[in-house]
Every structure is written in structure tokens, then in C-alpha cells.
Amino acid sequence: METKQEVNVPKFVGRHLSQLKVLSRLLEHELEAGKGAREVTLDRHLIENILDTLEIFTDDCESISGSSRDRAKVEQKPVVARLN
């Protein structure tokens, strides 16, 4: 017998939005540090961490909404092996 685990959506979203709040504060800090300059330079490691945070957030939100299963079906592409 399969049981569904109920999720408190507002609590879930609030907990995961905190990740985005930290991310936005980090980006605000970087912009403030580069104040007066036309360009802002970010470290590659920092950008990788930003992307990881966004991917975790979107994956978690998709898993709670159930749309990740539909997305996985659409995004599966055949893989071609090259033998050289």
C-alpha cells in the first residue's frame, strides 16, 4: 500500500526561500563592493555556488509539485556514442 506524505507547503516554501534570500544578499554585497565601477567581477567558484543553490531550490520545488517526473520524460534525449 502506497502512502502519500503530506507537506506543509507554506512552511516548505518559507524554508527554501531562505536560500534565495541569502543568495540575493550575496549578490547585493558584490554589487555594493563594485560600486562606482561599470563592471563587476565574480569568482568562478562563487558563480558555481550560486548555480548550485538555484538548482537545489528548483529541484526541491519541482519534487514537491510533482512536475519533475513530467520534466524528466520531456528532457530525456538519446545519447550518441562516438567511436573514433
PDB file of N, CA and C in Angstrom:
ATOM      1  N   MET A   1       0.845  -1.173   0.000  1.00  0.00           N
ATOM      2  CA  MET A   1       0.000   0.000   0.000  1.00  0.00           C
ATOM      3  C   MET A   1       0.895   1.242   0.000  1.00  0.00           C
ATOM      4  N   GLU A   2       0.617   2.141  -0.888  1.00  0.00           N
ATOM      5  CA  GLU A   2       1.406   3.349  -1.029  1.00  0.00           C
ATOM      6  C   GLU A   2       0.772   4.472  -0.224  1.00  0.00           C
ATOM      7  N   THR A   3       1.566   5.162   0.576  1.00  0.00           N
ATOM      8  CA  THR A   3       1.048   6.278   1.365  1.00  0.00           C
ATOM      9  C   THR A   3       1.704   7.555   0.891  1.00  0.00           C
ATOM     10  N   LYS A   4       0.914   8.608   0.868  1.00  0.00           N
ATOM     11  CA  LYS A   4       1.439   9.914   0.473  1.00  0.00           C
ATOM     12  C   LYS A   4       1.781  10.698   1.728  1.00  0.00           C
ATOM     13  N   GLN A   5       2.933  11.316   1.714  1.00  0.00           N
ATOM     14  CA  GLN A   5       3.341  12.137   2.826  1.00  0.00           C
ATOM     15  C   GLN A   5       2.835  13.549   2.577  1.00  0.00           C
ATOM     16  N   GLU A   6       2.064  14.076   3.528  1.00  0.00           N
ATOM     17  CA  GLU A   6       1.539  15.424   3.367  1.00  0.00           C
ATOM     18  C   GLU A   6       2.625  16.438   3.662  1.00  0.00           C
ATOM     19  N   VAL A   7       2.639  17.495   2.869  1.00  0.00           N
ATOM     20  CA  VAL A   7       3.652  18.522   3.014  1.00  0.00           C
ATOM     21  C   VAL A   7       2.973  19.836   3.337  1.00  0.00           C
ATOM     22  N   ASN A   8       3.497  20.514   4.349  1.00  0.00           N
ATOM     23  CA  ASN A   8       3.021  21.843   4.679  1.00  0.00           C
ATOM     24  C   ASN A   8       3.685  22.806   3.704  1.00  0.00           C
ATOM     25  N   VAL A   9       2.965  23.180   2.654  1.00  0.00           N
ATOM     26  CA  VAL A   9       3.545  23.952   1.554  1.00  0.00           C
ATOM     27  C   VAL A   9       4.074  25.310   2.014  1.00  0.00           C
ATOM     28  N   PRO A  10       3.328  26.104   2.804  1.00  0.00           N
ATOM     29  CA  PRO A  10       3.888  27.394   3.225  1.00  0.00           C
ATOM     30  C   PRO A  10       5.199  27.248   4.014  1.00  0.00           C
ATOM     31  N   LYS A  11       5.261  26.246   4.871  1.00  0.00           N
ATOM     32  CA  LYS A  11       6.483  26.019   5.646  1.00  0.00           C
ATOM     33  C   LYS A  11       7.621  25.589   4.725  1.00  0.00           C
ATOM     34  N   PHE A  12       7.311  24.723   3.783  1.00  0.00           N
ATOM     35  CA  PHE A  12       8.300  24.244   2.812  1.00  0.00           C
ATOM     36  C   PHE A  12       8.864  25.407   1.996  1.00  0.00           C
ATOM     37  N   VAL A  13       7.968  26.234   1.477  1.00  0.00           N
ATOM     38  CA  VAL A  13       8.392  27.356   0.642  1.00  0.00           C
ATOM     39  C   VAL A  13       9.193  28.355   1.463  1.00  0.00           C
ATOM     40  N   GLY A  14       8.735  28.655   2.676  1.00  0.00           N
ATOM     41  CA  GLY A  14       9.463  29.586   3.534  1.00  0.00           C
ATOM     42  C   GLY A  14      10.863  29.117   3.843  1.00  0.00           C
ATOM     43  N   ARG A  15      11.004  27.832   4.100  1.00  0.00           N
ATOM     44  CA  ARG A  15      12.316  27.265   4.406  1.00  0.00           C
ATOM     45  C   ARG A  15      13.236  27.343   3.190  1.00  0.00           C
ATOM     46  N   HIS A  16      12.688  27.117   2.017  1.00  0.00           N
ATOM     47  CA  HIS A  16      13.514  27.127   0.815  1.00  0.00           C
ATOM     48  C   HIS A  16      13.745  28.538   0.267  1.00  0.00           C
ATOM     49  N   LEU A  17      12.837  29.451   0.569  1.00  0.00           N
ATOM     50  CA  LEU A  17      13.055  30.829   0.142  1.00  0.00           C
ATOM     51  C   LEU A  17      14.226  31.460   0.878  1.00  0.00           C
ATOM     52  N   SER A  18      14.538  30.949   2.047  1.00  0.00           N
ATOM     53  CA  SER A  18      15.673  31.491   2.795  1.00  0.00           C
ATOM     54  C   SER A  18      16.964  31.324   1.996  1.00  0.00           C
ATOM     55  N   GLN A  19      17.066  30.255   1.210  1.00  0.00           N
ATOM     56  CA  GLN A  19      18.239  30.062   0.356  1.00  0.00           C
ATOM     57  C   GLN A  19      18.355  31.198  -0.659  1.00  0.00           C
ATOM     58  N   LEU A  20      17.228  31.577  -1.236  1.00  0.00           N
ATOM     59  CA  LEU A  20      17.246  32.647  -2.237  1.00  0.00           C
ATOM     60  C   LEU A  20      17.505  33.999  -1.596  1.00  0.00           C
ATOM     61  N   LYS A  21      17.053  34.194  -0.353  1.00  0.00           N
ATOM     62  CA  LYS A  21      17.323  35.447   0.352  1.00  0.00           C
ATOM     63  C   LYS A  21      18.817  35.600   0.601  1.00  0.00           C
ATOM     64  N   VAL A  22      19.471  34.524   1.022  1.00  0.00           N
ATOM     65  CA  VAL A  22      20.920  34.565   1.232  1.00  0.00           C
ATOM     66  C   VAL A  22      21.624  34.862  -0.083  1.00  0.00           C
ATOM     67  N   LEU A  23      21.166  34.229  -1.136  1.00  0.00           N
ATOM     68  CA  LEU A  23      21.756  34.430  -2.461  1.00  0.00           C
ATOM     69  C   LEU A  23      21.596  35.876  -2.917  1.00  0.00           C
ATOM     70  N   SER A  24      20.421  36.458  -2.731  1.00  0.00           N
ATOM     71  CA  SER A  24      20.209  37.844  -3.160  1.00  0.00           C
ATOM     72  C   SER A  24      21.049  38.810  -2.336  1.00  0.00           C
ATOM     73  N   ARG A  25      21.212  38.541  -1.043  1.00  0.00           N
ATOM     74  CA  ARG A  25      22.067  39.401  -0.213  1.00  0.00           C
ATOM     75  C   ARG A  25      23.530  39.310  -0.646  1.00  0.00           C
ATOM     76  N   LEU A  26      23.955  38.129  -1.021  1.00  0.00           N
ATOM     77  CA  LEU A  26      25.320  37.962  -1.511  1.00  0.00           C
ATOM     78  C   LEU A  26      25.542  38.784  -2.775  1.00  0.00           C
ATOM     79  N   LEU A  27      24.593  38.704  -3.703  1.00  0.00           N
ATOM     80  CA  LEU A  27      24.729  39.464  -4.943  1.00  0.00           C
ATOM     81  C   LEU A  27      24.664  40.972  -4.679  1.00  0.00           C
ATOM     82  N   GLU A  28      23.823  41.399  -3.743  1.00  0.00           N
ATOM     83  CA  GLU A  28      23.773  42.818  -3.369  1.00  0.00           C
ATOM     84  C   GLU A  28      25.118  43.263  -2.805  1.00  0.00           C
ATOM     85  N   HIS A  29      25.718  42.409  -1.987  1.00  0.00           N
ATOM     86  CA  HIS A  29      27.023  42.729  -1.408  1.00  0.00           C
ATOM     87  C   HIS A  29      28.077  42.880  -2.504  1.00  0.00           C
ATOM     88  N   GLU A  30      28.066  41.976  -3.467  1.00  0.00           N
ATOM     89  CA  GLU A  30      29.040  42.048  -4.558  1.00  0.00           C
ATOM     90  C   GLU A  30      28.840  43.311  -5.391  1.00  0.00           C
ATOM     91  N   LEU A  31      27.593  43.689  -5.624  1.00  0.00           N
ATOM     92  CA  LEU A  31      27.324  44.925  -6.357  1.00  0.00           C
ATOM     93  C   LEU A  31      27.784  46.143  -5.572  1.00  0.00           C
ATOM     94  N   GLU A  32      27.554  46.117  -4.271  1.00  0.00           N
ATOM     95  CA  GLU A  32      27.973  47.226  -3.411  1.00  0.00           C
ATOM     96  C   GLU A  32      29.499  47.336  -3.366  1.00  0.00           C
ATOM     97  N   ALA A  33      30.183  46.192  -3.347  1.00  0.00           N
ATOM     98  CA  ALA A  33      31.646  46.183  -3.329  1.00  0.00           C
ATOM     99  C   ALA A  33      32.213  46.747  -4.628  1.00  0.00           C
ATOM    100  N   GLY A  34      31.498  46.585  -5.718  1.00  0.00           N
ATOM    101  CA  GLY A  34      31.945  47.099  -7.009  1.00  0.00           C
ATOM    102  C   GLY A  34      31.339  48.441  -7.354  1.00  0.00           C
ATOM    103  N   LYS A  35      30.832  49.134  -6.349  1.00  0.00           N
ATOM    104  CA  LYS A  35      30.163  50.409  -6.579  1.00  0.00           C
ATOM    105  C   LYS A  35      31.116  51.394  -7.254  1.00  0.00           C
ATOM    106  N   GLY A  36      30.613  52.093  -8.217  1.00  0.00           N
ATOM    107  CA  GLY A  36      31.422  53.060  -8.940  1.00  0.00           C
ATOM    108  C   GLY A  36      32.041  52.479 -10.198  1.00  0.00           C
ATOM    109  N   ALA A  37      32.083  51.165 -10.270  1.00  0.00           N
ATOM    110  CA  ALA A  37      32.640  50.519 -11.456  1.00  0.00           C
ATOM    111  C   ALA A  37      31.505  50.075 -12.371  1.00  0.00           C
ATOM    112  N   ARG A  38      31.760  50.120 -13.646  1.00  0.00           N
ATOM    113  CA  ARG A  38      30.740  49.697 -14.612  1.00  0.00           C
ATOM    114  C   ARG A  38      30.592  48.183 -14.635  1.00  0.00           C
ATOM    115  N   GLU A  39      31.686  47.465 -14.393  1.00  0.00           N
ATOM    116  CA  GLU A  39      31.675  46.011 -14.419  1.00  0.00           C
ATOM    117  C   GLU A  39      31.927  45.449 -13.029  1.00  0.00           C
ATOM    118  N   VAL A  40      31.332  44.296 -12.769  1.00  0.00           N
ATOM    119  CA  VAL A  40      31.544  43.583 -11.511  1.00  0.00           C
ATOM    120  C   VAL A  40      32.134  42.229 -11.860  1.00  0.00           C
ATOM    121  N   THR A  41      33.196  41.855 -11.190  1.00  0.00           N
ATOM    122  CA  THR A  41      33.855  40.581 -11.445  1.00  0.00           C
ATOM    123  C   THR A  41      33.514  39.613 -10.327  1.00  0.00           C
ATOM    124  N   LEU A  42      33.039  38.428 -10.704  1.00  0.00           N
ATOM    125  CA  LEU A  42      32.711  37.388  -9.730  1.00  0.00           C
ATOM    126  C   LEU A  42      33.658  36.212  -9.919  1.00  0.00           C
ATOM    127  N   ASP A  43      34.029  35.623  -8.817  1.00  0.00           N
ATOM    128  CA  ASP A  43      34.881  34.448  -8.825  1.00  0.00           C
ATOM    129  C   ASP A  43      34.102  33.267  -9.401  1.00  0.00           C
ATOM    130  N   ARG A  44      34.767  32.421 -10.156  1.00  0.00           N
ATOM    131  CA  ARG A  44      34.128  31.256 -10.769  1.00  0.00           C
ATOM    132  C   ARG A  44      33.490  30.356  -9.707  1.00  0.00           C
ATOM    133  N   HIS A  45      34.181  30.180  -8.595  1.00  0.00           N
ATOM    134  CA  HIS A  45      33.673  29.343  -7.504  1.00  0.00           C
ATOM    135  C   HIS A  45      32.362  29.917  -6.956  1.00  0.00           C
ATOM    136  N   LEU A  46      32.283  31.234  -6.853  1.00  0.00           N
ATOM    137  CA  LEU A  46      31.073  31.897  -6.370  1.00  0.00           C
ATOM    138  C   LEU A  46      29.908  31.661  -7.323  1.00  0.00           C
ATOM    139  N   ILE A  47      30.158  31.753  -8.603  1.00  0.00           N
ATOM    140  CA  ILE A  47      29.097  31.528  -9.594  1.00  0.00           C
ATOM    141  C   ILE A  47      28.634  30.067  -9.559  1.00  0.00           C
ATOM    142  N   GLU A  48      29.567  29.132  -9.403  1.00  0.00           N
ATOM    143  CA  GLU A  48      29.188  27.721  -9.294  1.00  0.00           C
ATOM    144  C   GLU A  48      28.294  27.492  -8.077  1.00  0.00           C
ATOM    145  N   ASN A  49      28.610  28.141  -6.955  1.00  0.00           N
ATOM    146  CA  ASN A  49      27.781  28.010  -5.760  1.00  0.00           C
ATOM    147  C   ASN A  49      26.402  28.636  -5.952  1.00  0.00           C
ATOM    148  N   ILE A  50      26.343  29.745  -6.662  1.00  0.00           N
ATOM    149  CA  ILE A  50      25.057  30.382  -6.961  1.00  0.00           C
ATOM    150  C   ILE A  50      24.198  29.440  -7.798  1.00  0.00           C
ATOM    151  N   LEU A  51      24.788  28.850  -8.826  1.00  0.00           N
ATOM    152  CA  LEU A  51      24.047  27.910  -9.669  1.00  0.00           C
ATOM    153  C   LEU A  51      23.584  26.687  -8.878  1.00  0.00           C
ATOM    154  N   ASP A  52      24.449  26.170  -8.004  1.00  0.00           N
ATOM    155  CA  ASP A  52      24.069  25.026  -7.168  1.00  0.00           C
ATOM    156  C   ASP A  52      22.867  25.365  -6.293  1.00  0.00           C
ATOM    157  N   THR A  53      22.888  26.549  -5.704  1.00  0.00           N
ATOM    158  CA  THR A  53      21.777  26.980  -4.848  1.00  0.00           C
ATOM    159  C   THR A  53      20.484  27.063  -5.640  1.00  0.00           C
ATOM    160  N   LEU A  54      20.543  27.642  -6.823  1.00  0.00           N
ATOM    161  CA  LEU A  54      19.344  27.749  -7.658  1.00  0.00           C
ATOM    162  C   LEU A  54      18.838  26.381  -8.108  1.00  0.00           C
ATOM    163  N   GLU A  55      19.755  25.484  -8.451  1.00  0.00           N
ATOM    164  CA  GLU A  55      19.355  24.141  -8.874  1.00  0.00           C
ATOM    165  C   GLU A  55      18.711  23.366  -7.729  1.00  0.00           C
ATOM    166  N   ILE A  56      19.264  23.475  -6.534  1.00  0.00           N
ATOM    167  CA  ILE A  56      18.676  22.804  -5.371  1.00  0.00           C
ATOM    168  C   ILE A  56      17.274  23.330  -5.127  1.00  0.00           C
ATOM    169  N   PHE A  57      17.111  24.645  -5.182  1.00  0.00           N
ATOM    170  CA  PHE A  57      15.803  25.253  -4.956  1.00  0.00           C
ATOM    171  C   PHE A  57      14.787  24.778  -5.990  1.00  0.00           C
ATOM    172  N   THR A  58      15.156  24.841  -7.268  1.00  0.00           N
ATOM    173  CA  THR A  58      14.207  24.439  -8.306  1.00  0.00           C
ATOM    174  C   THR A  58      13.907  22.944  -8.255  1.00  0.00           C
ATOM    175  N   ASP A  59      14.914  22.117  -7.983  1.00  0.00           N
ATOM    176  CA  ASP A  59      14.675  20.671  -7.873  1.00  0.00           C
ATOM    177  C   ASP A  59      13.733  20.352  -6.717  1.00  0.00           C
ATOM    178  N   ASP A  60      13.945  21.009  -5.578  1.00  0.00           N
ATOM    179  CA  ASP A  60      13.074  20.775  -4.426  1.00  0.00           C
ATOM    180  C   ASP A  60      11.646  21.218  -4.706  1.00  0.00           C
ATOM    181  N   CYS A  61      11.503  22.366  -5.342  1.00  0.00           N
ATOM    182  CA  CYS A  61      10.158  22.864  -5.666  1.00  0.00           C
ATOM    183  C   CYS A  61       9.472  21.967  -6.692  1.00  0.00           C
ATOM    184  N   GLU A  62      10.222  21.464  -7.651  1.00  0.00           N
ATOM    185  CA  GLU A  62       9.636  20.558  -8.639  1.00  0.00           C
ATOM    186  C   GLU A  62       9.236  19.233  -8.005  1.00  0.00           C
ATOM    187  N   SER A  63      10.043  18.758  -7.073  1.00  0.00           N
ATOM    188  CA  SER A  63       9.715  17.477  -6.442  1.00  0.00           C
ATOM    189  C   SER A  63       8.459  17.583  -5.595  1.00  0.00           C
ATOM    190  N   ILE A  64       8.243  18.720  -4.964  1.00  0.00           N
ATOM    191  CA  ILE A  64       7.048  18.887  -4.131  1.00  0.00           C
ATOM    192  C   ILE A  64       5.802  19.083  -4.999  1.00  0.00           C
ATOM    193  N   SER A  65       5.979  19.673  -6.183  1.00  0.00           N
ATOM    194  CA  SER A  65       4.823  19.896  -7.043  1.00  0.00           C
ATOM    195  C   SER A  65       4.544  18.704  -7.943  1.00  0.00           C
ATOM    196  N   GLY A  66       5.511  17.768  -8.020  1.00  0.00           N
ATOM    197  CA  GLY A  66       5.309  16.583  -8.840  1.00  0.00           C
ATOM    198  C   GLY A  66       5.626  16.787 -10.300  1.00  0.00           C
ATOM    199  N   SER A  67       6.073  17.982 -10.675  1.00  0.00           N
ATOM    200  CA  SER A  67       6.338  18.243 -12.090  1.00  0.00           C
ATOM    201  C   SER A  67       7.691  17.722 -12.542  1.00  0.00           C
ATOM    202  N   SER A  68       8.534  17.293 -11.619  1.00  0.00           N
ATOM    203  CA  SER A  68       9.854  16.799 -12.027  1.00  0.00           C
ATOM    204  C   SER A  68       9.727  15.514 -12.836  1.00  0.00           C
ATOM    205  N   ARG A  69       8.712  14.706 -12.534  1.00  0.00           N
ATOM    206  CA  ARG A  69       8.513  13.475 -13.314  1.00  0.00           C
ATOM    207  C   ARG A  69       8.150  13.803 -14.743  1.00  0.00           C
ATOM    208  N   ASP A  70       7.266  14.795 -14.927  1.00  0.00           N
ATOM    209  CA  ASP A  70       6.882  15.191 -16.276  1.00  0.00           C
ATOM    210  C   ASP A  70       8.069  15.792 -17.013  1.00  0.00           C
ATOM    211  N   ARG A  71       8.862  16.581 -16.325  1.00  0.00           N
ATOM    212  CA  ARG A  71      10.020  17.225 -16.930  1.00  0.00           C
ATOM    213  C   ARG A  71      11.060  16.191 -17.330  1.00  0.00           C
ATOM    214  N   ALA A  72      11.256  15.181 -16.513  1.00  0.00           N
ATOM    215  CA  ALA A  72      12.254  14.147 -16.811  1.00  0.00           C
ATOM    216  C   ALA A  72      11.879  13.399 -18.088  1.00  0.00           C
ATOM    217  N   LYS A  73      10.596  13.182 -18.294  1.00  0.00           N
ATOM    218  CA  LYS A  73      10.155  12.495 -19.508  1.00  0.00           C
ATOM    219  C   LYS A  73      10.450  13.336 -20.743  1.00  0.00           C
ATOM    220  N   VAL A  74      10.261  14.642 -20.639  1.00  0.00           N
ATOM    221  CA  VAL A  74      10.448  15.534 -21.771  1.00  0.00           C
ATOM    222  C   VAL A  74      11.927  15.732 -22.071  1.00  0.00           C
ATOM    223  N   GLU A  75      12.767  15.829 -21.029  1.00  0.00           N
ATOM    224  CA  GLU A  75      14.160  16.174 -21.218  1.00  0.00           C
ATOM    225  C   GLU A  75      15.055  14.999 -21.583  1.00  0.00           C
ATOM    226  N   GLN A  76      14.547  13.784 -21.554  1.00  0.00           N
ATOM    227  CA  GLN A  76      15.387  12.652 -21.901  1.00  0.00           C
ATOM    228  C   GLN A  76      15.654  12.661 -23.397  1.00  0.00           C
ATOM    229  N   LYS A  77      16.931  12.741 -23.735  1.00  0.00           N
ATOM    230  CA  LYS A  77      17.333  12.755 -25.133  1.00  0.00           C
ATOM    231  C   LYS A  77      18.218  11.546 -25.364  1.00  0.00           C
ATOM    232  N   PRO A  78      18.174  11.004 -26.560  1.00  0.00           N
ATOM    233  CA  PRO A  78      19.049   9.865 -26.834  1.00  0.00           C
ATOM    234  C   PRO A  78      20.513  10.287 -26.796  1.00  0.00           C
ATOM    235  N   VAL A  79      21.336   9.382 -26.305  1.00  0.00           N
ATOM    236  CA  VAL A  79      22.765   9.653 -26.209  1.00  0.00           C
ATOM    237  C   VAL A  79      23.466   8.888 -27.329  1.00  0.00           C
ATOM    238  N   VAL A  80      24.311   9.596 -28.042  1.00  0.00           N
ATOM    239  CA  VAL A  80      25.037   9.012 -29.157  1.00  0.00           C
ATOM    240  C   VAL A  80      26.500   8.835 -28.747  1.00  0.00           C
ATOM    241  N   ALA A  81      26.991   7.620 -28.841  1.00  0.00           N
ATOM    242  CA  ALA A  81      28.385   7.354 -28.511  1.00  0.00           C
ATOM    243  C   ALA A  81      29.222   7.512 -29.775  1.00  0.00           C
ATOM    244  N   ARG A  82      30.326   8.219 -29.641  1.00  0.00           N
ATOM    245  CA  ARG A  82      31.215   8.413 -30.793  1.00  0.00           C
ATOM    246  C   ARG A  82      32.426   7.534 -30.620  1.00  0.00           C
ATOM    247  N   LEU A  83      32.703   6.741 -31.618  1.00  0.00           N
ATOM    248  CA  LEU A  83      33.881   5.882 -31.603  1.00  0.00           C
ATOM    249  C   LEU A  83      34.855   6.405 -32.626  1.00  0.00           C
ATOM    250  N   ASN A  84      35.960   6.936 -32.156  1.00  0.00           N
ATOM    251  CA  ASN A  84      36.978   7.490 -33.070  1.00  0.00           C
ATOM    252  C   ASN A  84      38.229   6.660 -33.003  1.00  0.00           C
TER     253      ASN A  84
END
